[in-house]
């Protein structure tokens, strides 16, 4: 080992690094980054739950299930305005390529969630 490396190793072992406390800008930036990370994690969890529910729904629809009166009752609870909006969304989704339909539905649900809160 060269003498320079040996001196560097000796000094790094004997001296501890003294890191100053972050200033207010660094603290604020760290808080913003932490908040962004938490938000992304929460959204990721929500999207995972949504994807799981959509996957379950797709599996359920692939198996023939008789239409129950409970489903028709829940649909009949919607007002005429809501039924018209849902049918227009359904019509628009038919125009979207099948491989993009799930992404489009997720975007619609996120938009709805943004208007709820």
PDB file of N, CA and C in Angstrom:
ATOM      1  N   UNK A   1       0.853  -1.168   0.000  1.00  0.00           N
ATOM      2  CA  UNK A   1       0.000   0.000   0.000  1.00  0.00           C
ATOM      3  C   UNK A   1       0.904   1.237   0.000  1.00  0.00           C
ATOM      4  N   UNK A   2       0.515   2.237  -0.798  1.00  0.00           N
ATOM      5  CA  UNK A   2       1.337   3.444  -0.873  1.00  0.00           C
ATOM      6  C   UNK A   2       1.201   4.245   0.416  1.00  0.00           C
ATOM      7  N   UNK A   3       2.165   5.103   0.637  1.00  0.00           N
ATOM      8  CA  UNK A   3       2.160   5.877   1.879  1.00  0.00           C
ATOM      9  C   UNK A   3       1.008   6.879   1.917  1.00  0.00           C
ATOM     10  N   UNK A   4       0.593   7.411   0.768  1.00  0.00           N
ATOM     11  CA  UNK A   4      -0.526   8.363   0.739  1.00  0.00           C
ATOM     12  C   UNK A   4      -1.822   7.677   1.154  1.00  0.00           C
ATOM     13  N   UNK A   5      -2.026   6.469   0.658  1.00  0.00           N
ATOM     14  CA  UNK A   5      -3.234   5.723   1.026  1.00  0.00           C
ATOM     15  C   UNK A   5      -3.210   5.349   2.500  1.00  0.00           C
ATOM     16  N   UNK A   6      -2.025   5.032   2.990  1.00  0.00           N
ATOM     17  CA  UNK A   6      -1.897   4.660   4.398  1.00  0.00           C
ATOM     18  C   UNK A   6      -2.195   5.861   5.304  1.00  0.00           C
ATOM     19  N   UNK A   7      -1.716   7.036   4.929  1.00  0.00           N
ATOM     20  CA  UNK A   7      -1.981   8.249   5.709  1.00  0.00           C
ATOM     21  C   UNK A   7      -3.465   8.584   5.658  1.00  0.00           C
ATOM     22  N   UNK A   8      -4.057   8.444   4.473  1.00  0.00           N
ATOM     23  CA  UNK A   8      -5.490   8.737   4.327  1.00  0.00           C
ATOM     24  C   UNK A   8      -6.316   7.778   5.175  1.00  0.00           C
ATOM     25  N   UNK A   9      -5.948   6.507   5.186  1.00  0.00           N
ATOM     26  CA  UNK A   9      -6.671   5.525   5.984  1.00  0.00           C
ATOM     27  C   UNK A   9      -6.530   5.832   7.474  1.00  0.00           C
ATOM     28  N   UNK A  10      -5.351   6.212   7.898  1.00  0.00           N
ATOM     29  CA  UNK A  10      -5.110   6.531   9.303  1.00  0.00           C
ATOM     30  C   UNK A  10      -5.921   7.749   9.730  1.00  0.00           C
ATOM     31  N   UNK A  11      -5.929   8.803   8.908  1.00  0.00           N
ATOM     32  CA  UNK A  11      -6.688  10.005   9.271  1.00  0.00           C
ATOM     33  C   UNK A  11      -8.189   9.751   9.247  1.00  0.00           C
ATOM     34  N   UNK A  12      -8.651   8.925   8.313  1.00  0.00           N
ATOM     35  CA  UNK A  12     -10.088   8.657   8.285  1.00  0.00           C
ATOM     36  C   UNK A  12     -10.517   7.833   9.486  1.00  0.00           C
ATOM     37  N   UNK A  13      -9.624   7.014  10.003  1.00  0.00           N
ATOM     38  CA  UNK A  13      -9.944   6.213  11.185  1.00  0.00           C
ATOM     39  C   UNK A  13      -9.892   7.038  12.470  1.00  0.00           C
ATOM     40  N   UNK A  14      -9.027   8.049  12.520  1.00  0.00           N
ATOM     41  CA  UNK A  14      -8.851   8.794  13.763  1.00  0.00           C
ATOM     42  C   UNK A  14      -9.771  10.000  13.881  1.00  0.00           C
ATOM     43  N   UNK A  15     -10.169  10.585  12.767  1.00  0.00           N
ATOM     44  CA  UNK A  15     -11.022  11.778  12.809  1.00  0.00           C
ATOM     45  C   UNK A  15     -12.446  11.425  12.408  1.00  0.00           C
ATOM     46  N   UNK A  16     -13.380  11.927  13.173  1.00  0.00           N
ATOM     47  CA  UNK A  16     -14.777  11.740  12.818  1.00  0.00           C
ATOM     48  C   UNK A  16     -15.230  12.927  11.992  1.00  0.00           C
ATOM     49  N   UNK A  17     -16.123  12.654  11.069  1.00  0.00           N
ATOM     50  CA  UNK A  17     -16.640  13.735  10.243  1.00  0.00           C
ATOM     51  C   UNK A  17     -17.609  14.570  11.062  1.00  0.00           C
ATOM     52  N   UNK A  18     -17.488  15.855  10.942  1.00  0.00           N
ATOM     53  CA  UNK A  18     -18.376  16.774  11.641  1.00  0.00           C
ATOM     54  C   UNK A  18     -19.298  17.397  10.602  1.00  0.00           C
ATOM     55  N   UNK A  19     -20.538  16.945  10.569  1.00  0.00           N
ATOM     56  CA  UNK A  19     -21.503  17.437   9.595  1.00  0.00           C
ATOM     57  C   UNK A  19     -22.385  18.468  10.280  1.00  0.00           C
ATOM     58  N   UNK A  20     -22.443  19.673   9.727  1.00  0.00           N
ATOM     59  CA  UNK A  20     -23.280  20.699  10.362  1.00  0.00           C
ATOM     60  C   UNK A  20     -24.766  20.387  10.181  1.00  0.00           C
ATOM     61  N   UNK A  21     -25.555  20.963  11.060  1.00  0.00           N
ATOM     62  CA  UNK A  21     -27.002  20.787  10.978  1.00  0.00           C
ATOM     63  C   UNK A  21     -27.512  21.474   9.708  1.00  0.00           C
ATOM     64  N   UNK A  22     -28.478  20.853   9.011  1.00  0.00           N
ATOM     65  CA  UNK A  22     -28.984  21.457   7.773  1.00  0.00           C
ATOM     66  C   UNK A  22     -29.633  22.816   8.033  1.00  0.00           C
ATOM     67  N   UNK A  23     -29.503  23.709   7.048  1.00  0.00           N
ATOM     68  CA  UNK A  23     -30.127  25.024   7.180  1.00  0.00           C
ATOM     69  C   UNK A  23     -31.624  24.919   6.892  1.00  0.00           C
ATOM     70  N   UNK A  24     -32.324  26.028   7.008  1.00  0.00           N
ATOM     71  CA  UNK A  24     -33.786  26.004   6.858  1.00  0.00           C
ATOM     72  C   UNK A  24     -34.199  25.599   5.449  1.00  0.00           C
ATOM     73  N   UNK A  25     -33.438  26.006   4.433  1.00  0.00           N
ATOM     74  CA  UNK A  25     -33.765  25.617   3.060  1.00  0.00           C
ATOM     75  C   UNK A  25     -33.664  24.103   2.889  1.00  0.00           C
ATOM     76  N   UNK A  26     -32.598  23.512   3.417  1.00  0.00           N
ATOM     77  CA  UNK A  26     -32.415  22.067   3.309  1.00  0.00           C
ATOM     78  C   UNK A  26     -33.506  21.321   4.073  1.00  0.00           C
ATOM     79  N   UNK A  27     -33.880  21.848   5.254  1.00  0.00           N
ATOM     80  CA  UNK A  27     -34.951  21.213   6.032  1.00  0.00           C
ATOM     81  C   UNK A  27     -36.268  21.260   5.266  1.00  0.00           C
ATOM     82  N   UNK A  28     -36.564  22.429   4.669  1.00  0.00           N
ATOM     83  CA  UNK A  28     -37.806  22.587   3.909  1.00  0.00           C
ATOM     84  C   UNK A  28     -37.809  21.657   2.699  1.00  0.00           C
ATOM     85  N   UNK A  29     -36.674  21.579   2.019  1.00  0.00           N
ATOM     86  CA  UNK A  29     -36.577  20.709   0.848  1.00  0.00           C
ATOM     87  C   UNK A  29     -36.762  19.252   1.254  1.00  0.00           C
ATOM     88  N   UNK A  30     -36.161  18.853   2.373  1.00  0.00           N
ATOM     89  CA  UNK A  30     -36.306  17.475   2.846  1.00  0.00           C
ATOM     90  C   UNK A  30     -37.760  17.184   3.208  1.00  0.00           C
ATOM     91  N   UNK A  31     -38.442  18.142   3.833  1.00  0.00           N
ATOM     92  CA  UNK A  31     -39.855  17.951   4.162  1.00  0.00           C
ATOM     93  C   UNK A  31     -40.678  17.785   2.892  1.00  0.00           C
ATOM     94  N   UNK A  32     -40.382  18.599   1.874  1.00  0.00           N
ATOM     95  CA  UNK A  32     -41.111  18.493   0.609  1.00  0.00           C
ATOM     96  C   UNK A  32     -40.870  17.146  -0.062  1.00  0.00           C
ATOM     97  N   UNK A  33     -39.630  16.694  -0.045  1.00  0.00           N
ATOM     98  CA  UNK A  33     -39.302  15.399  -0.642  1.00  0.00           C
ATOM     99  C   UNK A  33     -39.974  14.276   0.141  1.00  0.00           C
ATOM    100  N   UNK A  34     -39.951  14.354   1.467  1.00  0.00           N
ATOM    101  CA  UNK A  34     -40.612  13.341   2.292  1.00  0.00           C
ATOM    102  C   UNK A  34     -42.114  13.320   2.032  1.00  0.00           C
ATOM    103  N   UNK A  35     -42.729  14.511   1.909  1.00  0.00           N
ATOM    104  CA  UNK A  35     -44.161  14.587   1.631  1.00  0.00           C
ATOM    105  C   UNK A  35     -44.472  13.990   0.261  1.00  0.00           C
ATOM    106  N   UNK A  36     -43.641  14.296  -0.732  1.00  0.00           N
ATOM    107  CA  UNK A  36     -43.835  13.751  -2.072  1.00  0.00           C
ATOM    108  C   UNK A  36     -43.704  12.236  -2.059  1.00  0.00           C
ATOM    109  N   UNK A  37     -42.705  11.727  -1.354  1.00  0.00           N
ATOM    110  CA  UNK A  37     -42.529  10.275  -1.256  1.00  0.00           C
ATOM    111  C   UNK A  37     -43.720   9.618  -0.574  1.00  0.00           C
ATOM    112  N   UNK A  38     -44.233  10.238   0.487  1.00  0.00           N
ATOM    113  CA  UNK A  38     -45.396   9.683   1.187  1.00  0.00           C
ATOM    114  C   UNK A  38     -46.614   9.687   0.275  1.00  0.00           C
ATOM    115  N   UNK A  39     -46.799  10.783  -0.466  1.00  0.00           N
ATOM    116  CA  UNK A  39     -47.930  10.877  -1.383  1.00  0.00           C
ATOM    117  C   UNK A  39     -47.830   9.818  -2.472  1.00  0.00           C
ATOM    118  N   UNK A  40     -46.644   9.658  -3.029  1.00  0.00           N
ATOM    119  CA  UNK A  40     -46.457   8.642  -4.067  1.00  0.00           C
ATOM    120  C   UNK A  40     -46.696   7.240  -3.516  1.00  0.00           C
ATOM    121  N   UNK A  41     -46.261   6.998  -2.296  1.00  0.00           N
ATOM    122  CA  UNK A  41     -46.480   5.693  -1.682  1.00  0.00           C
ATOM    123  C   UNK A  41     -47.969   5.442  -1.467  1.00  0.00           C
ATOM    124  N   UNK A  42     -48.691   6.460  -0.969  1.00  0.00           N
ATOM    125  CA  UNK A  42     -50.132   6.317  -0.759  1.00  0.00           C
ATOM    126  C   UNK A  42     -50.855   6.068  -2.081  1.00  0.00           C
ATOM    127  N   UNK A  43     -50.481   6.812  -3.123  1.00  0.00           N
ATOM    128  CA  UNK A  43     -51.115   6.616  -4.425  1.00  0.00           C
ATOM    129  C   UNK A  43     -50.789   5.242  -4.984  1.00  0.00           C
ATOM    130  N   UNK A  44     -49.567   4.802  -4.773  1.00  0.00           N
ATOM    131  CA  UNK A  44     -49.172   3.481  -5.246  1.00  0.00           C
ATOM    132  C   UNK A  44     -49.994   2.396  -4.551  1.00  0.00           C
ATOM    133  N   UNK A  45     -50.183   2.555  -3.232  1.00  0.00           N
ATOM    134  CA  UNK A  45     -51.001   1.587  -2.497  1.00  0.00           C
ATOM    135  C   UNK A  45     -52.435   1.599  -3.012  1.00  0.00           C
ATOM    136  N   UNK A  46     -52.978   2.803  -3.256  1.00  0.00           N
ATOM    137  CA  UNK A  46     -54.348   2.913  -3.749  1.00  0.00           C
ATOM    138  C   UNK A  46     -54.482   2.286  -5.126  1.00  0.00           C
ATOM    139  N   UNK A  47     -53.500   2.518  -5.985  1.00  0.00           N
ATOM    140  CA  UNK A  47     -53.542   1.925  -7.322  1.00  0.00           C
ATOM    141  C   UNK A  47     -53.408   0.409  -7.256  1.00  0.00           C
ATOM    142  N   UNK A  48     -52.617  -0.092  -6.315  1.00  0.00           N
ATOM    143  CA  UNK A  48     -52.509  -1.541  -6.153  1.00  0.00           C
ATOM    144  C   UNK A  48     -53.843  -2.135  -5.710  1.00  0.00           C
ATOM    145  N   UNK A  49     -54.518  -1.453  -4.797  1.00  0.00           N
ATOM    146  CA  UNK A  49     -55.833  -1.921  -4.352  1.00  0.00           C
ATOM    147  C   UNK A  49     -56.814  -1.896  -5.516  1.00  0.00           C
ATOM    148  N   UNK A  50     -56.804  -0.791  -6.289  1.00  0.00           N
ATOM    149  CA  UNK A  50     -57.687  -0.678  -7.447  1.00  0.00           C
ATOM    150  C   UNK A  50     -57.386  -1.767  -8.468  1.00  0.00           C
ATOM    151  N   UNK A  51     -56.108  -2.000  -8.748  1.00  0.00           N
ATOM    152  CA  UNK A  51     -55.735  -3.033  -9.712  1.00  0.00           C
ATOM    153  C   UNK A  51     -56.177  -4.409  -9.233  1.00  0.00           C
ATOM    154  N   UNK A  52     -56.050  -4.653  -7.925  1.00  0.00           N
ATOM    155  CA  UNK A  52     -56.490  -5.932  -7.369  1.00  0.00           C
ATOM    156  C   UNK A  52     -58.004  -6.096  -7.531  1.00  0.00           C
ATOM    157  N   UNK A  53     -58.752  -5.026  -7.243  1.00  0.00           N
ATOM    158  CA  UNK A  53     -60.210  -5.092  -7.375  1.00  0.00           C
ATOM    159  C   UNK A  53     -60.623  -5.259  -8.829  1.00  0.00           C
ATOM    160  N   UNK A  54     -59.943  -4.553  -9.733  1.00  0.00           N
ATOM    161  CA  UNK A  54     -60.252  -4.699 -11.159  1.00  0.00           C
ATOM    162  C   UNK A  54     -59.925  -6.110 -11.618  1.00  0.00           C
ATOM    163  N   UNK A  55     -58.796  -6.646 -11.156  1.00  0.00           N
ATOM    164  CA  UNK A  55     -58.442  -8.023 -11.502  1.00  0.00           C
ATOM    165  C   UNK A  55     -59.472  -9.013 -10.993  1.00  0.00           C
ATOM    166  N   UNK A  56     -59.927  -8.820  -9.762  1.00  0.00           N
ATOM    167  CA  UNK A  56     -60.976  -9.690  -9.223  1.00  0.00           C
ATOM    168  C   UNK A  56     -62.259  -9.568 -10.030  1.00  0.00           C
ATOM    169  N   UNK A  57     -62.596  -8.331 -10.417  1.00  0.00           N
ATOM    170  CA  UNK A  57     -63.810  -8.119 -11.201  1.00  0.00           C
ATOM    171  C   UNK A  57     -63.686  -8.776 -12.570  1.00  0.00           C
ATOM    172  N   UNK A  58     -62.505  -8.697 -13.175  1.00  0.00           N
ATOM    173  CA  UNK A  58     -62.304  -9.338 -14.477  1.00  0.00           C
ATOM    174  C   UNK A  58     -62.400 -10.850 -14.365  1.00  0.00           C
ATOM    175  N   UNK A  59     -61.850 -11.399 -13.287  1.00  0.00           N
ATOM    176  CA  UNK A  59     -61.969 -12.841 -13.080  1.00  0.00           C
ATOM    177  C   UNK A  59     -63.419 -13.232 -12.838  1.00  0.00           C
ATOM    178  N   UNK A  60     -64.139 -12.402 -12.114  1.00  0.00           N
ATOM    179  CA  UNK A  60     -65.544 -12.698 -11.828  1.00  0.00           C
ATOM    180  C   UNK A  60     -66.383 -12.616 -13.094  1.00  0.00           C
ATOM    181  N   UNK A  61     -66.061 -11.673 -13.985  1.00  0.00           N
ATOM    182  CA  UNK A  61     -66.849 -11.548 -15.214  1.00  0.00           C
ATOM    183  C   UNK A  61     -66.487 -12.620 -16.223  1.00  0.00           C
ATOM    184  N   UNK A  62     -65.295 -13.216 -16.104  1.00  0.00           N
ATOM    185  CA  UNK A  62     -64.931 -14.280 -17.036  1.00  0.00           C
ATOM    186  C   UNK A  62     -65.697 -15.562 -16.723  1.00  0.00           C
ATOM    187  N   UNK A  63     -66.167 -15.697 -15.492  1.00  0.00           N
ATOM    188  CA  UNK A  63     -66.984 -16.837 -15.118  1.00  0.00           C
ATOM    189  C   UNK A  63     -68.447 -16.415 -15.214  1.00  0.00           C
ATOM    190  N   UNK A  64     -69.268 -17.208 -15.897  1.00  0.00           N
ATOM    191  CA  UNK A  64     -70.671 -16.802 -16.041  1.00  0.00           C
ATOM    192  C   UNK A  64     -71.385 -16.767 -14.689  1.00  0.00           C
ATOM    193  N   UNK A  65     -71.931 -15.629 -14.382  1.00  0.00           N
ATOM    194  CA  UNK A  65     -72.655 -15.431 -13.131  1.00  0.00           C
ATOM    195  C   UNK A  65     -74.039 -14.908 -13.492  1.00  0.00           C
ATOM    196  N   UNK A  66     -75.086 -15.505 -12.945  1.00  0.00           N
ATOM    197  CA  UNK A  66     -76.420 -14.993 -13.263  1.00  0.00           C
ATOM    198  C   UNK A  66     -76.614 -13.587 -12.703  1.00  0.00           C
ATOM    199  N   UNK A  67     -77.332 -12.776 -13.460  1.00  0.00           N
ATOM    200  CA  UNK A  67     -77.601 -11.408 -13.026  1.00  0.00           C
ATOM    201  C   UNK A  67     -78.589 -11.464 -11.871  1.00  0.00           C
ATOM    202  N   UNK A  68     -78.215 -10.832 -10.786  1.00  0.00           N
ATOM    203  CA  UNK A  68     -79.086 -10.845  -9.619  1.00  0.00           C
ATOM    204  C   UNK A  68     -79.890  -9.563  -9.572  1.00  0.00           C
ATOM    205  N   UNK A  69     -80.941  -9.589  -8.811  1.00  0.00           N
ATOM    206  CA  UNK A  69     -81.761  -8.390  -8.666  1.00  0.00           C
ATOM    207  C   UNK A  69     -81.011  -7.316  -7.889  1.00  0.00           C
ATOM    208  N   UNK A  70     -80.026  -7.743  -7.094  1.00  0.00           N
ATOM    209  CA  UNK A  70     -79.255  -6.778  -6.308  1.00  0.00           C
ATOM    210  C   UNK A  70     -78.475  -5.838  -7.225  1.00  0.00           C
ATOM    211  N   UNK A  71     -77.928  -6.354  -8.310  1.00  0.00           N
ATOM    212  CA  UNK A  71     -77.177  -5.521  -9.248  1.00  0.00           C
ATOM    213  C   UNK A  71     -78.116  -4.542  -9.930  1.00  0.00           C
ATOM    214  N   UNK A  72     -79.258  -5.018 -10.382  1.00  0.00           N
ATOM    215  CA  UNK A  72     -80.195  -4.121 -11.063  1.00  0.00           C
ATOM    216  C   UNK A  72     -80.757  -3.087 -10.104  1.00  0.00           C
ATOM    217  N   UNK A  73     -80.906  -3.453  -8.824  1.00  0.00           N
ATOM    218  CA  UNK A  73     -81.387  -2.479  -7.845  1.00  0.00           C
ATOM    219  C   UNK A  73     -80.360  -1.372  -7.635  1.00  0.00           C
ATOM    220  N   UNK A  74     -79.077  -1.737  -7.569  1.00  0.00           N
ATOM    221  CA  UNK A  74     -78.060  -0.712  -7.354  1.00  0.00           C
ATOM    222  C   UNK A  74     -77.946   0.208  -8.559  1.00  0.00           C
ATOM    223  N   UNK A  75     -78.138  -0.314  -9.758  1.00  0.00           N
ATOM    224  CA  UNK A  75     -78.101   0.529 -10.950  1.00  0.00           C
ATOM    225  C   UNK A  75     -79.329   1.427 -10.988  1.00  0.00           C
ATOM    226  N   UNK A  76     -80.467   0.928 -10.563  1.00  0.00           N
ATOM    227  CA  UNK A  76     -81.680   1.741 -10.606  1.00  0.00           C
ATOM    228  C   UNK A  76     -81.656   2.858  -9.565  1.00  0.00           C
ATOM    229  N   UNK A  77     -80.741   2.787  -8.589  1.00  0.00           N
ATOM    230  CA  UNK A  77     -80.637   3.849  -7.598  1.00  0.00           C
ATOM    231  C   UNK A  77     -80.012   5.112  -8.176  1.00  0.00           C
ATOM    232  N   UNK A  78     -79.281   4.994  -9.305  1.00  0.00           N
ATOM    233  CA  UNK A  78     -78.664   6.159  -9.925  1.00  0.00           C
ATOM    234  C   UNK A  78     -79.730   7.062 -10.521  1.00  0.00           C
ATOM    235  N   UNK A  79     -79.474   8.360 -10.456  1.00  0.00           N
ATOM    236  CA  UNK A  79     -80.394   9.299 -11.096  1.00  0.00           C
ATOM    237  C   UNK A  79     -80.212   9.219 -12.608  1.00  0.00           C
ATOM    238  N   UNK A  80     -81.138   9.803 -13.340  1.00  0.00           N
ATOM    239  CA  UNK A  80     -81.055   9.776 -14.803  1.00  0.00           C
ATOM    240  C   UNK A  80     -79.809  10.507 -15.296  1.00  0.00           C
ATOM    241  N   UNK A  81     -79.421  11.577 -14.606  1.00  0.00           N
ATOM    242  CA  UNK A  81     -78.213  12.306 -15.004  1.00  0.00           C
ATOM    243  C   UNK A  81     -76.972  11.419 -14.880  1.00  0.00           C
ATOM    244  N   UNK A  82     -76.880  10.705 -13.766  1.00  0.00           N
ATOM    245  CA  UNK A  82     -75.729   9.825 -13.550  1.00  0.00           C
ATOM    246  C   UNK A  82     -75.729   8.706 -14.585  1.00  0.00           C
ATOM    247  N   UNK A  83     -76.890   8.131 -14.876  1.00  0.00           N
ATOM    248  CA  UNK A  83     -76.967   7.071 -15.884  1.00  0.00           C
ATOM    249  C   UNK A  83     -76.507   7.586 -17.240  1.00  0.00           C
ATOM    250  N   UNK A  84     -76.884   8.812 -17.587  1.00  0.00           N
ATOM    251  CA  UNK A  84     -76.469   9.388 -18.867  1.00  0.00           C
ATOM    252  C   UNK A  84     -74.956   9.588 -18.898  1.00  0.00           C
ATOM    253  N   UNK A  85     -74.387  10.057 -17.776  1.00  0.00           N
ATOM    254  CA  UNK A  85     -72.939  10.258 -17.723  1.00  0.00           C
ATOM    255  C   UNK A  85     -72.198   8.928 -17.822  1.00  0.00           C
ATOM    256  N   UNK A  86     -72.697   7.920 -17.104  1.00  0.00           N
ATOM    257  CA  UNK A  86     -72.049   6.612 -17.156  1.00  0.00           C
ATOM    258  C   UNK A  86     -72.125   6.009 -18.549  1.00  0.00           C
ATOM    259  N   UNK A  87     -73.244   6.196 -19.222  1.00  0.00           N
ATOM    260  CA  UNK A  87     -73.354   5.650 -20.577  1.00  0.00           C
ATOM    261  C   UNK A  87     -72.432   6.391 -21.539  1.00  0.00           C
ATOM    262  N   UNK A  88     -72.251   7.704 -21.340  1.00  0.00           N
ATOM    263  CA  UNK A  88     -71.328   8.433 -22.214  1.00  0.00           C
ATOM    264  C   UNK A  88     -69.885   8.003 -21.957  1.00  0.00           C
ATOM    265  N   UNK A  89     -69.546   7.746 -20.689  1.00  0.00           N
ATOM    266  CA  UNK A  89     -68.205   7.239 -20.382  1.00  0.00           C
ATOM    267  C   UNK A  89     -68.021   5.856 -21.005  1.00  0.00           C
ATOM    268  N   UNK A  90     -69.046   5.024 -20.905  1.00  0.00           N
ATOM    269  CA  UNK A  90     -68.983   3.690 -21.496  1.00  0.00           C
ATOM    270  C   UNK A  90     -68.800   3.775 -23.008  1.00  0.00           C
ATOM    271  N   UNK A  91     -69.542   4.664 -23.651  1.00  0.00           N
ATOM    272  CA  UNK A  91     -69.424   4.842 -25.099  1.00  0.00           C
ATOM    273  C   UNK A  91     -68.024   5.323 -25.468  1.00  0.00           C
ATOM    274  N   UNK A  92     -67.495   6.275 -24.696  1.00  0.00           N
ATOM    275  CA  UNK A  92     -66.156   6.802 -24.980  1.00  0.00           C
ATOM    276  C   UNK A  92     -65.087   5.735 -24.767  1.00  0.00           C
ATOM    277  N   UNK A  93     -65.243   4.902 -23.740  1.00  0.00           N
ATOM    278  CA  UNK A  93     -64.262   3.845 -23.487  1.00  0.00           C
ATOM    279  C   UNK A  93     -64.232   2.816 -24.610  1.00  0.00           C
ATOM    280  N   UNK A  94     -65.356   2.628 -25.296  1.00  0.00           N
ATOM    281  CA  UNK A  94     -65.383   1.692 -26.415  1.00  0.00           C
ATOM    282  C   UNK A  94     -64.516   2.187 -27.567  1.00  0.00           C
ATOM    283  N   UNK A  95     -64.311   3.498 -27.662  1.00  0.00           N
ATOM    284  CA  UNK A  95     -63.479   4.081 -28.719  1.00  0.00           C
ATOM    285  C   UNK A  95     -61.989   3.988 -28.390  1.00  0.00           C
ATOM    286  N   UNK A  96     -61.665   3.781 -27.107  1.00  0.00           N
ATOM    287  CA  UNK A  96     -60.271   3.683 -26.668  1.00  0.00           C
ATOM    288  C   UNK A  96     -59.774   2.272 -26.978  1.00  0.00           C
ATOM    289  N   UNK A  97     -58.540   2.140 -27.501  1.00  0.00           N
ATOM    290  CA  UNK A  97     -58.001   0.793 -27.732  1.00  0.00           C
ATOM    291  C   UNK A  97     -58.019  -0.028 -26.446  1.00  0.00           C
ATOM    292  N   UNK A  98     -58.268  -1.314 -26.594  1.00  0.00           N
ATOM    293  CA  UNK A  98     -58.468  -2.177 -25.428  1.00  0.00           C
ATOM    294  C   UNK A  98     -57.270  -2.165 -24.481  1.00  0.00           C
ATOM    295  N   UNK A  99     -56.065  -2.074 -25.023  1.00  0.00           N
ATOM    296  CA  UNK A  99     -54.878  -2.093 -24.170  1.00  0.00           C
ATOM    297  C   UNK A  99     -54.722  -0.798 -23.374  1.00  0.00           C
ATOM    298  N   UNK A 100     -55.456   0.260 -23.709  1.00  0.00           N
ATOM    299  CA  UNK A 100     -55.395   1.528 -22.964  1.00  0.00           C
ATOM    300  C   UNK A 100     -56.629   1.768 -22.100  1.00  0.00           C
ATOM    301  N   UNK A 101     -57.606   0.891 -22.163  1.00  0.00           N
ATOM    302  CA  UNK A 101     -58.859   1.126 -21.443  1.00  0.00           C
ATOM    303  C   UNK A 101     -58.668   1.156 -19.932  1.00  0.00           C
ATOM    304  N   UNK A 102     -57.844   0.271 -19.394  1.00  0.00           N
ATOM    305  CA  UNK A 102     -57.636   0.248 -17.940  1.00  0.00           C
ATOM    306  C   UNK A 102     -56.947   1.527 -17.481  1.00  0.00           C
ATOM    307  N   UNK A 103     -55.931   1.970 -18.230  1.00  0.00           N
ATOM    308  CA  UNK A 103     -55.256   3.228 -17.880  1.00  0.00           C
ATOM    309  C   UNK A 103     -56.239   4.392 -17.915  1.00  0.00           C
ATOM    310  N   UNK A 104     -57.114   4.394 -18.911  1.00  0.00           N
ATOM    311  CA  UNK A 104     -58.112   5.459 -19.036  1.00  0.00           C
ATOM    312  C   UNK A 104     -59.084   5.420 -17.852  1.00  0.00           C
ATOM    313  N   UNK A 105     -59.512   4.227 -17.472  1.00  0.00           N
ATOM    314  CA  UNK A 105     -60.429   4.089 -16.341  1.00  0.00           C
ATOM    315  C   UNK A 105     -59.769   4.546 -15.044  1.00  0.00           C
ATOM    316  N   UNK A 106     -58.498   4.209 -14.865  1.00  0.00           N
ATOM    317  CA  UNK A 106     -57.773   4.654 -13.671  1.00  0.00           C
ATOM    318  C   UNK A 106     -57.678   6.172 -13.648  1.00  0.00           C
ATOM    319  N   UNK A 107     -57.413   6.783 -14.811  1.00  0.00           N
ATOM    320  CA  UNK A 107     -57.334   8.248 -14.884  1.00  0.00           C
ATOM    321  C   UNK A 107     -58.680   8.880 -14.545  1.00  0.00           C
ATOM    322  N   UNK A 108     -59.760   8.279 -15.010  1.00  0.00           N
ATOM    323  CA  UNK A 108     -61.103   8.792 -14.697  1.00  0.00           C
ATOM    324  C   UNK A 108     -61.362   8.693 -13.198  1.00  0.00           C
ATOM    325  N   UNK A 109     -60.999   7.561 -12.589  1.00  0.00           N
ATOM    326  CA  UNK A 109     -61.225   7.385 -11.156  1.00  0.00           C
ATOM    327  C   UNK A 109     -60.386   8.368 -10.341  1.00  0.00           C
ATOM    328  N   UNK A 110     -59.144   8.636 -10.780  1.00  0.00           N
ATOM    329  CA  UNK A 110     -58.312   9.611 -10.076  1.00  0.00           C
ATOM    330  C   UNK A 110     -58.917  11.003 -10.177  1.00  0.00           C
ATOM    331  N   UNK A 111     -59.480  11.329 -11.335  1.00  0.00           N
ATOM    332  CA  UNK A 111     -60.131  12.622 -11.505  1.00  0.00           C
ATOM    333  C   UNK A 111     -61.339  12.740 -10.574  1.00  0.00           C
ATOM    334  N   UNK A 112     -62.105  11.672 -10.458  1.00  0.00           N
ATOM    335  CA  UNK A 112     -63.260  11.675  -9.555  1.00  0.00           C
ATOM    336  C   UNK A 112     -62.794  11.856  -8.115  1.00  0.00           C
ATOM    337  N   UNK A 113     -61.742  11.143  -7.728  1.00  0.00           N
ATOM    338  CA  UNK A 113     -61.221  11.250  -6.364  1.00  0.00           C
ATOM    339  C   UNK A 113     -60.737  12.667  -6.088  1.00  0.00           C
ATOM    340  N   UNK A 114     -60.096  13.302  -7.073  1.00  0.00           N
ATOM    341  CA  UNK A 114     -59.632  14.686  -6.893  1.00  0.00           C
ATOM    342  C   UNK A 114     -60.796  15.637  -6.644  1.00  0.00           C
ATOM    343  N   UNK A 115     -61.939  15.372  -7.255  1.00  0.00           N
ATOM    344  CA  UNK A 115     -63.088  16.254  -7.064  1.00  0.00           C
ATOM    345  C   UNK A 115     -63.870  15.929  -5.798  1.00  0.00           C
ATOM    346  N   UNK A 116     -63.663  14.752  -5.237  1.00  0.00           N
ATOM    347  CA  UNK A 116     -64.331  14.392  -3.983  1.00  0.00           C
ATOM    348  C   UNK A 116     -63.662  15.108  -2.820  1.00  0.00           C
ATOM    349  N   UNK A 117     -62.324  15.142  -2.833  1.00  0.00           N
ATOM    350  CA  UNK A 117     -61.593  15.729  -1.702  1.00  0.00           C
ATOM    351  C   UNK A 117     -61.362  17.198  -1.873  1.00  0.00           C
TER     352      UNK A 117
END
